[in-house]
Full PDB file with SEQRES, HELIX, SHEET, SSBOND, CRYST1, ORIGX, SCALE, CONECT and MASTER records, all heavy atoms in Angstrom:
SEQRES   1 A   41  ARG GLY ALA GLY LYS PHE SER LEU GLY MET SER GLN ARG          
SEQRES   2 A   41  LEU GLY ILE ALA ALA ALA LEU LEU GLY ASP PRO ALA THR          
SEQRES   3 A   41  VAL VAL LEU ASP GLU PRO VAL ASN GLY LEU ASP VAL GLU          
SEQRES   4 A   41  GLY ILE                                                      
HELIX    1 AA1 ALA A    3  LYS A    5  5                                   3    
HELIX    2 AA2 LEU A    8  LEU A   20  1                                  13    
CRYST1    1.000    1.000    1.000  90.00  90.00  90.00 P 1           1          
ORIGX1      1.000000  0.000000  0.000000        0.00000                         
ORIGX2      0.000000  1.000000  0.000000        0.00000                         
ORIGX3      0.000000  0.000000  1.000000        0.00000                         
SCALE1      1.000000  0.000000  0.000000        0.00000                         
SCALE2      0.000000  1.000000  0.000000        0.00000                         
SCALE3      0.000000  0.000000  1.000000        0.00000                         
ATOM      1  N   ARG A   1     109.959-212.146 149.497  1.00  0.00           N  
ATOM      2  CA  ARG A   1     109.247-210.968 149.979  1.00  0.00           C  
ATOM      3  C   ARG A   1     110.058-209.701 149.711  1.00  0.00           C  
ATOM      4  O   ARG A   1     111.286-209.711 149.774  1.00  0.00           O  
ATOM      5  CB  ARG A   1     108.989-211.105 151.482  1.00  0.00           C  
ATOM      6  CG  ARG A   1     108.104-210.008 152.073  1.00  0.00           C  
ATOM      7  CD  ARG A   1     107.994-210.121 153.573  1.00  0.00           C  
ATOM      8  NE  ARG A   1     107.479-211.416 154.006  1.00  0.00           N  
ATOM      9  CZ  ARG A   1     107.321-211.742 155.278  1.00  0.00           C  
ATOM     10  NH1 ARG A   1     107.657-210.858 156.235  1.00  0.00           N  
ATOM     11  NH2 ARG A   1     106.855-212.924 155.591  1.00  0.00           N  
ATOM     12  N   GLY A   2     109.380-208.605 149.419  1.00  0.00           N  
ATOM     13  CA  GLY A   2     110.068-207.342 149.199  1.00  0.00           C  
ATOM     14  C   GLY A   2     110.821-206.900 150.434  1.00  0.00           C  
ATOM     15  O   GLY A   2     110.298-206.965 151.553  1.00  0.00           O  
ATOM     16  N   ALA A   3     112.039-206.428 150.240  1.00  0.00           N  
ATOM     17  CA  ALA A   3     112.885-206.056 151.376  1.00  0.00           C  
ATOM     18  C   ALA A   3     112.300-204.893 152.164  1.00  0.00           C  
ATOM     19  O   ALA A   3     112.606-204.731 153.344  1.00  0.00           O  
ATOM     20  CB  ALA A   3     114.286-205.706 150.879  1.00  0.00           C  
ATOM     21  N   GLY A   4     111.449-204.088 151.539  1.00  0.00           N  
ATOM     22  CA  GLY A   4     110.846-202.974 152.240  1.00  0.00           C  
ATOM     23  C   GLY A   4     109.905-203.396 153.347  1.00  0.00           C  
ATOM     24  O   GLY A   4     109.561-202.586 154.219  1.00  0.00           O  
ATOM     25  N   LYS A   5     109.483-204.659 153.336  1.00  0.00           N  
ATOM     26  CA  LYS A   5     108.579-205.182 154.355  1.00  0.00           C  
ATOM     27  C   LYS A   5     109.322-205.930 155.453  1.00  0.00           C  
ATOM     28  O   LYS A   5     108.698-206.490 156.354  1.00  0.00           O  
ATOM     29  CB  LYS A   5     107.550-206.111 153.712  1.00  0.00           C  
ATOM     30  CG  LYS A   5     106.670-205.416 152.676  1.00  0.00           C  
ATOM     31  CD  LYS A   5     105.680-206.391 152.050  1.00  0.00           C  
ATOM     32  CE  LYS A   5     104.818-205.697 150.999  1.00  0.00           C  
ATOM     33  NZ  LYS A   5     103.870-206.636 150.355  1.00  0.00           N  
ATOM     34  N   PHE A   6     110.639-205.921 155.378  1.00  0.00           N  
ATOM     35  CA  PHE A   6     111.431-206.651 156.361  1.00  0.00           C  
ATOM     36  C   PHE A   6     111.514-205.886 157.676  1.00  0.00           C  
ATOM     37  O   PHE A   6     111.570-204.651 157.702  1.00  0.00           O  
ATOM     38  CB  PHE A   6     112.856-206.877 155.845  1.00  0.00           C  
ATOM     39  CG  PHE A   6     113.005-208.052 154.926  1.00  0.00           C  
ATOM     40  CD1 PHE A   6     111.906-208.703 154.403  1.00  0.00           C  
ATOM     41  CD2 PHE A   6     114.263-208.507 154.572  1.00  0.00           C  
ATOM     42  CE1 PHE A   6     112.043-209.789 153.557  1.00  0.00           C  
ATOM     43  CE2 PHE A   6     114.423-209.588 153.736  1.00  0.00           C  
ATOM     44  CZ  PHE A   6     113.306-210.238 153.229  1.00  0.00           C  
ATOM     45  N   SER A   7     111.563-206.631 158.781  1.00  0.00           N  
ATOM     46  CA  SER A   7     111.898-206.046 160.076  1.00  0.00           C  
ATOM     47  C   SER A   7     113.379-205.690 160.074  1.00  0.00           C  
ATOM     48  O   SER A   7     114.136-206.092 159.169  1.00  0.00           O  
ATOM     49  CB  SER A   7     111.619-207.039 161.197  1.00  0.00           C  
ATOM     50  OG  SER A   7     112.508-208.149 161.099  1.00  0.00           O  
ATOM     51  N   LEU A   8     113.819-204.947 161.094  1.00  0.00           N  
ATOM     52  CA  LEU A   8     115.228-204.599 161.171  1.00  0.00           C  
ATOM     53  C   LEU A   8     116.095-205.845 161.263  1.00  0.00           C  
ATOM     54  O   LEU A   8     117.146-205.934 160.620  1.00  0.00           O  
ATOM     55  CB  LEU A   8     115.488-203.687 162.377  1.00  0.00           C  
ATOM     56  CG  LEU A   8     116.952-203.302 162.629  1.00  0.00           C  
ATOM     57  CD1 LEU A   8     117.567-202.640 161.404  1.00  0.00           C  
ATOM     58  CD2 LEU A   8     117.069-202.388 163.847  1.00  0.00           C  
ATOM     59  N   GLY A   9     115.657-206.824 162.052  1.00  0.00           N  
ATOM     60  CA  GLY A   9     116.437-208.054 162.189  1.00  0.00           C  
ATOM     61  C   GLY A   9     116.570-208.797 160.873  1.00  0.00           C  
ATOM     62  O   GLY A   9     117.655-209.313 160.532  1.00  0.00           O  
ATOM     63  N   MET A  10     115.501-208.864 160.103  1.00  0.00           N  
ATOM     64  CA  MET A  10     115.544-209.528 158.790  1.00  0.00           C  
ATOM     65  C   MET A  10     116.444-208.748 157.835  1.00  0.00           C  
ATOM     66  O   MET A  10     117.193-209.331 157.045  1.00  0.00           O  
ATOM     67  CB  MET A  10     114.129-209.656 158.238  1.00  0.00           C  
ATOM     68  CG  MET A  10     113.254-210.623 159.029  1.00  0.00           C  
ATOM     69  SD  MET A  10     111.485-210.386 158.711  1.00  0.00           S  
ATOM     70  CE  MET A  10     111.371-210.734 156.963  1.00  0.00           C  
ATOM     71  N   SER A  11     116.377-207.410 157.899  1.00  0.00           N  
ATOM     72  CA  SER A  11     117.248-206.589 157.055  1.00  0.00           C  
ATOM     73  C   SER A  11     118.715-206.807 157.418  1.00  0.00           C  
ATOM     74  O   SER A  11     119.588-206.831 156.536  1.00  0.00           O  
ATOM     75  CB  SER A  11     116.896-205.110 157.224  1.00  0.00           C  
ATOM     76  OG  SER A  11     115.590-204.834 156.759  1.00  0.00           O  
ATOM     77  N   GLN A  12     118.993-206.971 158.709  1.00  0.00           N  
ATOM     78  CA  GLN A  12     120.361-207.260 159.139  1.00  0.00           C  
ATOM     79  C   GLN A  12     120.858-208.561 158.522  1.00  0.00           C  
ATOM     80  O   GLN A  12     121.995-208.638 158.038  1.00  0.00           O  
ATOM     81  CB  GLN A  12     120.431-207.366 160.671  1.00  0.00           C  
ATOM     82  CG  GLN A  12     120.244-206.047 161.402  1.00  0.00           C  
ATOM     83  CD  GLN A  12     121.513-205.216 161.433  1.00  0.00           C  
ATOM     84  OE1 GLN A  12     122.220-205.082 160.439  1.00  0.00           O  
ATOM     85  NE2 GLN A  12     121.817-204.641 162.567  1.00  0.00           N  
ATOM     86  N   ARG A  13     120.022-209.572 158.537  1.00  0.00           N  
ATOM     87  CA  ARG A  13     120.417-210.862 157.962  1.00  0.00           C  
ATOM     88  C   ARG A  13     120.692-210.732 156.465  1.00  0.00           C  
ATOM     89  O   ARG A  13     121.646-211.316 155.937  1.00  0.00           O  
ATOM     90  CB  ARG A  13     119.333-211.908 158.234  1.00  0.00           C  
ATOM     91  CG  ARG A  13     119.227-212.314 159.708  1.00  0.00           C  
ATOM     92  CD  ARG A  13     118.039-213.235 159.949  1.00  0.00           C  
ATOM     93  NE  ARG A  13     117.907-213.615 161.352  1.00  0.00           N  
ATOM     94  CZ  ARG A  13     118.441-214.704 161.892  1.00  0.00           C  
ATOM     95  NH1 ARG A  13     119.137-215.534 161.139  1.00  0.00           N  
ATOM     96  NH2 ARG A  13     118.282-214.982 163.172  1.00  0.00           N  
ATOM     97  N   LEU A  14     119.851-209.948 155.772  1.00  0.00           N  
ATOM     98  CA  LEU A  14     120.065-209.753 154.342  1.00  0.00           C  
ATOM     99  C   LEU A  14     121.357-208.972 154.095  1.00  0.00           C  
ATOM    100  O   LEU A  14     122.123-209.294 153.177  1.00  0.00           O  
ATOM    101  CB  LEU A  14     118.872-209.012 153.738  1.00  0.00           C  
ATOM    102  CG  LEU A  14     118.957-208.697 152.247  1.00  0.00           C  
ATOM    103  CD1 LEU A  14     119.153-209.975 151.425  1.00  0.00           C  
ATOM    104  CD2 LEU A  14     117.699-207.955 151.780  1.00  0.00           C  
ATOM    105  N   GLY A  15     121.618-207.947 154.911  1.00  0.00           N  
ATOM    106  CA  GLY A  15     122.847-207.179 154.757  1.00  0.00           C  
ATOM    107  C   GLY A  15     124.089-208.022 154.981  1.00  0.00           C  
ATOM    108  O   GLY A  15     125.091-207.879 154.274  1.00  0.00           O  
ATOM    109  N   ILE A  16     124.018-208.912 155.951  1.00  0.00           N  
ATOM    110  CA  ILE A  16     125.154-209.804 156.219  1.00  0.00           C  
ATOM    111  C   ILE A  16     125.334-210.791 155.076  1.00  0.00           C  
ATOM    112  O   ILE A  16     126.468-211.089 154.659  1.00  0.00           O  
ATOM    113  CB  ILE A  16     124.944-210.523 157.566  1.00  0.00           C  
ATOM    114  CG1 ILE A  16     125.057-209.501 158.707  1.00  0.00           C  
ATOM    115  CG2 ILE A  16     125.956-211.646 157.753  1.00  0.00           C  
ATOM    116  CD1 ILE A  16     124.601-210.022 160.047  1.00  0.00           C  
ATOM    117  N   ALA A  17     124.227-211.289 154.523  1.00  0.00           N  
ATOM    118  CA  ALA A  17     124.321-212.188 153.375  1.00  0.00           C  
ATOM    119  C   ALA A  17     125.003-211.490 152.202  1.00  0.00           C  
ATOM    120  O   ALA A  17     125.858-212.079 151.521  1.00  0.00           O  
ATOM    121  CB  ALA A  17     122.924-212.662 152.973  1.00  0.00           C  
ATOM    122  N   ALA A  18     124.647-210.226 151.961  1.00  0.00           N  
ATOM    123  CA  ALA A  18     125.276-209.474 150.876  1.00  0.00           C  
ATOM    124  C   ALA A  18     126.768-209.286 151.134  1.00  0.00           C  
ATOM    125  O   ALA A  18     127.589-209.388 150.214  1.00  0.00           O  
ATOM    126  CB  ALA A  18     124.582-208.120 150.714  1.00  0.00           C  
ATOM    127  N   ALA A  19     127.141-209.037 152.389  1.00  0.00           N  
ATOM    128  CA  ALA A  19     128.548-208.842 152.726  1.00  0.00           C  
ATOM    129  C   ALA A  19     129.361-210.111 152.511  1.00  0.00           C  
ATOM    130  O   ALA A  19     130.547-210.049 152.176  1.00  0.00           O  
ATOM    131  CB  ALA A  19     128.674-208.384 154.176  1.00  0.00           C  
ATOM    132  N   LEU A  20     128.725-211.261 152.689  1.00  0.00           N  
ATOM    133  CA  LEU A  20     129.437-212.541 152.585  1.00  0.00           C  
ATOM    134  C   LEU A  20     129.312-213.187 151.211  1.00  0.00           C  
ATOM    135  O   LEU A  20     129.852-214.272 150.989  1.00  0.00           O  
ATOM    136  CB  LEU A  20     128.899-213.515 153.644  1.00  0.00           C  
ATOM    137  CG  LEU A  20     129.036-213.077 155.104  1.00  0.00           C  
ATOM    138  CD1 LEU A  20     128.442-214.147 156.027  1.00  0.00           C  
ATOM    139  CD2 LEU A  20     130.486-212.800 155.463  1.00  0.00           C  
ATOM    140  N   LEU A  21     128.614-212.538 150.287  1.00  0.00           N  
ATOM    141  CA  LEU A  21     128.277-213.156 149.001  1.00  0.00           C  
ATOM    142  C   LEU A  21     129.506-213.660 148.242  1.00  0.00           C  
ATOM    143  O   LEU A  21     129.498-214.753 147.682  1.00  0.00           O  
ATOM    144  CB  LEU A  21     127.495-212.150 148.149  1.00  0.00           C  
ATOM    145  CG  LEU A  21     126.819-212.689 146.898  1.00  0.00           C  
ATOM    146  CD1 LEU A  21     125.807-213.774 147.233  1.00  0.00           C  
ATOM    147  CD2 LEU A  21     126.151-211.555 146.132  1.00  0.00           C  
ATOM    148  N   GLY A  22     130.560-212.867 148.219  1.00  0.00           N  
ATOM    149  CA  GLY A  22     131.754-213.265 147.476  1.00  0.00           C  
ATOM    150  C   GLY A  22     132.748-214.062 148.289  1.00  0.00           C  
ATOM    151  O   GLY A  22     133.877-214.272 147.842  1.00  0.00           O  
ATOM    152  N   ASP A  23     132.344-214.534 149.482  1.00  0.00           N  
ATOM    153  CA  ASP A  23     133.241-215.230 150.412  1.00  0.00           C  
ATOM    154  C   ASP A  23     134.529-214.427 150.597  1.00  0.00           C  
ATOM    155  O   ASP A  23     135.639-214.931 150.377  1.00  0.00           O  
ATOM    156  CB  ASP A  23     133.569-216.638 149.903  1.00  0.00           C  
ATOM    157  CG  ASP A  23     134.226-217.499 150.980  1.00  0.00           C  
ATOM    158  OD1 ASP A  23     134.084-217.170 152.177  1.00  0.00           O  
ATOM    159  OD2 ASP A  23     134.885-218.494 150.620  1.00  0.00           O  
ATOM    160  N   PRO A  24     134.388-213.147 151.005  1.00  0.00           N  
ATOM    161  CA  PRO A  24     135.544-212.237 151.015  1.00  0.00           C  
ATOM    162  C   PRO A  24     136.563-212.581 152.089  1.00  0.00           C  
ATOM    163  O   PRO A  24     136.245-213.149 153.125  1.00  0.00           O  
ATOM    164  CB  PRO A  24     134.906-210.873 151.294  1.00  0.00           C  
ATOM    165  CG  PRO A  24     133.669-211.201 152.084  1.00  0.00           C  
ATOM    166  CD  PRO A  24     133.156-212.480 151.495  1.00  0.00           C  
ATOM    167  N   ALA A  25     137.801-212.164 151.817  1.00  0.00           N  
ATOM    168  CA  ALA A  25     138.882-212.368 152.782  1.00  0.00           C  
ATOM    169  C   ALA A  25     138.761-211.411 153.961  1.00  0.00           C  
ATOM    170  O   ALA A  25     139.240-211.701 155.051  1.00  0.00           O  
ATOM    171  CB  ALA A  25     140.229-212.181 152.094  1.00  0.00           C  
ATOM    172  N   THR A  26     138.093-210.270 153.742  1.00  0.00           N  
ATOM    173  CA  THR A  26     137.942-209.256 154.785  1.00  0.00           C  
ATOM    174  C   THR A  26     136.478-208.866 154.901  1.00  0.00           C  
ATOM    175  O   THR A  26     135.812-208.610 153.883  1.00  0.00           O  
ATOM    176  CB  THR A  26     138.780-208.001 154.463  1.00  0.00           C  
ATOM    177  OG1 THR A  26     140.162-208.369 154.448  1.00  0.00           O  
ATOM    178  CG2 THR A  26     138.557-206.907 155.487  1.00  0.00           C  
ATOM    179  N   VAL A  27     135.963-208.827 156.139  1.00  0.00           N  
ATOM    180  CA  VAL A  27     134.556-208.520 156.376  1.00  0.00           C  
ATOM    181  C   VAL A  27     134.474-207.349 157.357  1.00  0.00           C  
ATOM    182  O   VAL A  27     135.094-207.373 158.418  1.00  0.00           O  
ATOM    183  CB  VAL A  27     133.804-209.744 156.960  1.00  0.00           C  
ATOM    184  CG1 VAL A  27     132.345-209.399 157.232  1.00  0.00           C  
ATOM    185  CG2 VAL A  27     133.898-210.923 156.009  1.00  0.00           C  
ATOM    186  N   VAL A  28     133.680-206.331 156.989  1.00  0.00           N  
ATOM    187  CA  VAL A  28     133.502-205.130 157.815  1.00  0.00           C  
ATOM    188  C   VAL A  28     132.010-204.984 158.090  1.00  0.00           C  
ATOM    189  O   VAL A  28     131.213-204.824 157.164  1.00  0.00           O  
ATOM    190  CB  VAL A  28     134.037-203.881 157.096  1.00  0.00           C  
ATOM    191  CG1 VAL A  28     133.766-202.632 157.925  1.00  0.00           C  
ATOM    192  CG2 VAL A  28     135.529-204.015 156.820  1.00  0.00           C  
ATOM    193  N   LEU A  29     131.624-205.026 159.363  1.00  0.00           N  
ATOM    194  CA  LEU A  29     130.212-204.973 159.737  1.00  0.00           C  
ATOM    195  C   LEU A  29     129.986-203.885 160.781  1.00  0.00           C  
ATOM    196  O   LEU A  29     130.682-203.829 161.784  1.00  0.00           O  
ATOM    197  CB  LEU A  29     129.751-206.319 160.300  1.00  0.00           C  
ATOM    198  CG  LEU A  29     129.911-207.552 159.395  1.00  0.00           C  
ATOM    199  CD1 LEU A  29     129.527-208.809 160.159  1.00  0.00           C  
ATOM    200  CD2 LEU A  29     129.081-207.409 158.138  1.00  0.00           C  
ATOM    201  N   ASP A  30     128.974-203.052 160.526  1.00  0.00           N  
ATOM    202  CA  ASP A  30     128.619-201.988 161.457  1.00  0.00           C  
ATOM    203  C   ASP A  30     127.337-202.368 162.197  1.00  0.00           C  
ATOM    204  O   ASP A  30     126.298-202.556 161.565  1.00  0.00           O  
ATOM    205  CB  ASP A  30     128.421-200.677 160.693  1.00  0.00           C  
ATOM    206  CG  ASP A  30     128.238-199.480 161.610  1.00  0.00           C  
ATOM    207  OD1 ASP A  30     128.623-199.574 162.789  1.00  0.00           O  
ATOM    208  OD2 ASP A  30     127.711-198.452 161.154  1.00  0.00           O  
ATOM    209  N   GLU A  31     127.420-202.491 163.507  1.00  0.00           N  
ATOM    210  CA  GLU A  31     126.267-202.823 164.366  1.00  0.00           C  
ATOM    211  C   GLU A  31     125.495-204.052 163.861  1.00  0.00           C  
ATOM    212  O   GLU A  31     124.289-203.988 163.618  1.00  0.00           O  
ATOM    213  CB  GLU A  31     125.316-201.625 164.467  1.00  0.00           C  
ATOM    214  CG  GLU A  31     125.948-200.343 164.963  1.00  0.00           C  
ATOM    215  CD  GLU A  31     126.252-200.368 166.454  1.00  0.00           C  
ATOM    216  OE1 GLU A  31     125.887-201.334 167.123  1.00  0.00           O  
ATOM    217  OE2 GLU A  31     126.862-199.399 166.932  1.00  0.00           O  
ATOM    218  N   PRO A  32     126.142-205.192 163.700  1.00  0.00           N  
ATOM    219  CA  PRO A  32     125.469-206.341 163.079  1.00  0.00           C  
ATOM    220  C   PRO A  32     124.373-206.987 163.916  1.00  0.00           C  
ATOM    221  O   PRO A  32     123.556-207.734 163.372  1.00  0.00           O  
ATOM    222  CB  PRO A  32     126.622-207.338 162.844  1.00  0.00           C  
ATOM    223  CG  PRO A  32     127.630-206.990 163.893  1.00  0.00           C  
ATOM    224  CD  PRO A  32     127.547-205.492 164.027  1.00  0.00           C  
ATOM    225  N   VAL A  33     124.302-206.731 165.232  1.00  0.00           N  
ATOM    226  CA  VAL A  33     123.279-207.385 166.057  1.00  0.00           C  
ATOM    227  C   VAL A  33     122.055-206.514 166.286  1.00  0.00           C  
ATOM    228  O   VAL A  33     121.112-206.936 166.944  1.00  0.00           O  
ATOM    229  CB  VAL A  33     123.846-207.844 167.424  1.00  0.00           C  
ATOM    230  CG1 VAL A  33     124.997-208.812 167.233  1.00  0.00           C  
ATOM    231  CG2 VAL A  33     124.268-206.654 168.266  1.00  0.00           C  
ATOM    232  N   ASN A  34     122.044-205.302 165.741  1.00  0.00           N  
ATOM    233  CA  ASN A  34     120.877-204.438 165.905  1.00  0.00           C  
ATOM    234  C   ASN A  34     119.617-205.115 165.380  1.00  0.00           C  
ATOM    235  O   ASN A  34     119.580-205.584 164.237  1.00  0.00           O  
ATOM    236  CB  ASN A  34     121.074-203.112 165.153  1.00  0.00           C  
ATOM    237  CG  ASN A  34     121.763-202.068 165.996  1.00  0.00           C  
ATOM    238  OD1 ASN A  34     122.181-202.352 167.115  1.00  0.00           O  
ATOM    239  ND2 ASN A  34     121.901-200.867 165.469  1.00  0.00           N  
ATOM    240  N   GLY A  35     118.577-205.154 166.208  1.00  0.00           N  
ATOM    241  CA  GLY A  35     117.305-205.695 165.770  1.00  0.00           C  
ATOM    242  C   GLY A  35     117.192-207.200 165.800  1.00  0.00           C  
ATOM    243  O   GLY A  35     116.131-207.736 165.486  1.00  0.00           O  
ATOM    244  N   LEU A  36     118.252-207.895 166.168  1.00  0.00           N  
ATOM    245  CA  LEU A  36     118.208-209.361 166.187  1.00  0.00           C  
ATOM    246  C   LEU A  36     117.682-209.866 167.524  1.00  0.00           C  
ATOM    247  O   LEU A  36     117.915-209.263 168.579  1.00  0.00           O  
ATOM    248  CB  LEU A  36     119.602-209.941 165.941  1.00  0.00           C  
ATOM    249  CG  LEU A  36     120.198-209.719 164.550  1.00  0.00           C  
ATOM    250  CD1 LEU A  36     121.581-210.341 164.479  1.00  0.00           C  
ATOM    251  CD2 LEU A  36     119.304-210.292 163.460  1.00  0.00           C  
ATOM    252  N   ASP A  37     116.971-210.980 167.472  1.00  0.00           N  
ATOM    253  CA  ASP A  37     116.508-211.610 168.703  1.00  0.00           C  
ATOM    254  C   ASP A  37     117.641-212.434 169.308  1.00  0.00           C  
ATOM    255  O   ASP A  37     118.771-212.443 168.793  1.00  0.00           O  
ATOM    256  CB  ASP A  37     115.263-212.468 168.441  1.00  0.00           C  
ATOM    257  CG  ASP A  37     115.506-213.547 167.381  1.00  0.00           C  
ATOM    258  OD1 ASP A  37     116.678-213.847 167.061  1.00  0.00           O  
ATOM    259  OD2 ASP A  37     114.512-214.100 166.869  1.00  0.00           O  
ATOM    260  N   VAL A  38     117.355-213.113 170.398  1.00  0.00           N  
ATOM    261  CA  VAL A  38     118.401-213.865 171.101  1.00  0.00           C  
ATOM    262  C   VAL A  38     119.040-214.902 170.193  1.00  0.00           C  
ATOM    263  O   VAL A  38     120.271-215.048 170.152  1.00  0.00           O  
ATOM    264  CB  VAL A  38     117.826-214.532 172.367  1.00  0.00           C  
ATOM    265  CG1 VAL A  38     118.868-215.436 173.011  1.00  0.00           C  
ATOM    266  CG2 VAL A  38     117.366-213.474 173.370  1.00  0.00           C  
ATOM    267  N   GLU A  39     118.205-215.617 169.440  1.00  0.00           N  
ATOM    268  CA  GLU A  39     118.749-216.640 168.532  1.00  0.00           C  
ATOM    269  C   GLU A  39     119.653-215.996 167.490  1.00  0.00           C  
ATOM    270  O   GLU A  39     120.719-216.521 167.150  1.00  0.00           O  
ATOM    271  CB  GLU A  39     117.597-217.390 167.858  1.00  0.00           C  
ATOM    272  CG  GLU A  39     118.035-218.551 166.962  1.00  0.00           C  
ATOM    273  CD  GLU A  39     118.461-218.111 165.558  1.00  0.00           C  
ATOM    274  OE1 GLU A  39     117.920-217.101 165.067  1.00  0.00           O  
ATOM    275  OE2 GLU A  39     119.338-218.782 164.963  1.00  0.00           O  
ATOM    276  N   GLY A  40     119.215-214.835 166.966  1.00  0.00           N  
ATOM    277  CA  GLY A  40     120.005-214.145 165.961  1.00  0.00           C  
ATOM    278  C   GLY A  40     121.336-213.647 166.501  1.00  0.00           C  
ATOM    279  O   GLY A  40     122.354-213.703 165.812  1.00  0.00           O  
ATOM    280  N   ILE A  41     121.326-213.156 167.729  1.00  0.00           N  
ATOM    281  CA  ILE A  41     122.564-212.682 168.345  1.00  0.00           C  
ATOM    282  C   ILE A  41     123.547-213.845 168.540  1.00  0.00           C  
ATOM    283  O   ILE A  41     124.748-213.717 168.259  1.00  0.00           O  
ATOM    284  CB  ILE A  41     122.260-211.986 169.681  1.00  0.00           C  
ATOM    285  CG1 ILE A  41     121.503-210.672 169.428  1.00  0.00           C  
ATOM    286  CG2 ILE A  41     123.549-211.718 170.462  1.00  0.00           C  
ATOM    287  CD1 ILE A  41     120.997-210.004 170.678  1.00  0.00           C  
TER     288      ILE A  41                                                      
MASTER        0    0    0    2    0    0    0    6  287    1    0    4          
END                                                                             
């Protein structure tokens, strides 16, 4: 699905996936739980 149709919670999950794509040694996340439901949090 096009990312423009994502809810904030779905966009958060995609942003986190992009941050982890290279299995980095250092991870920096700004407000990662915004828009997530209880399960997501």
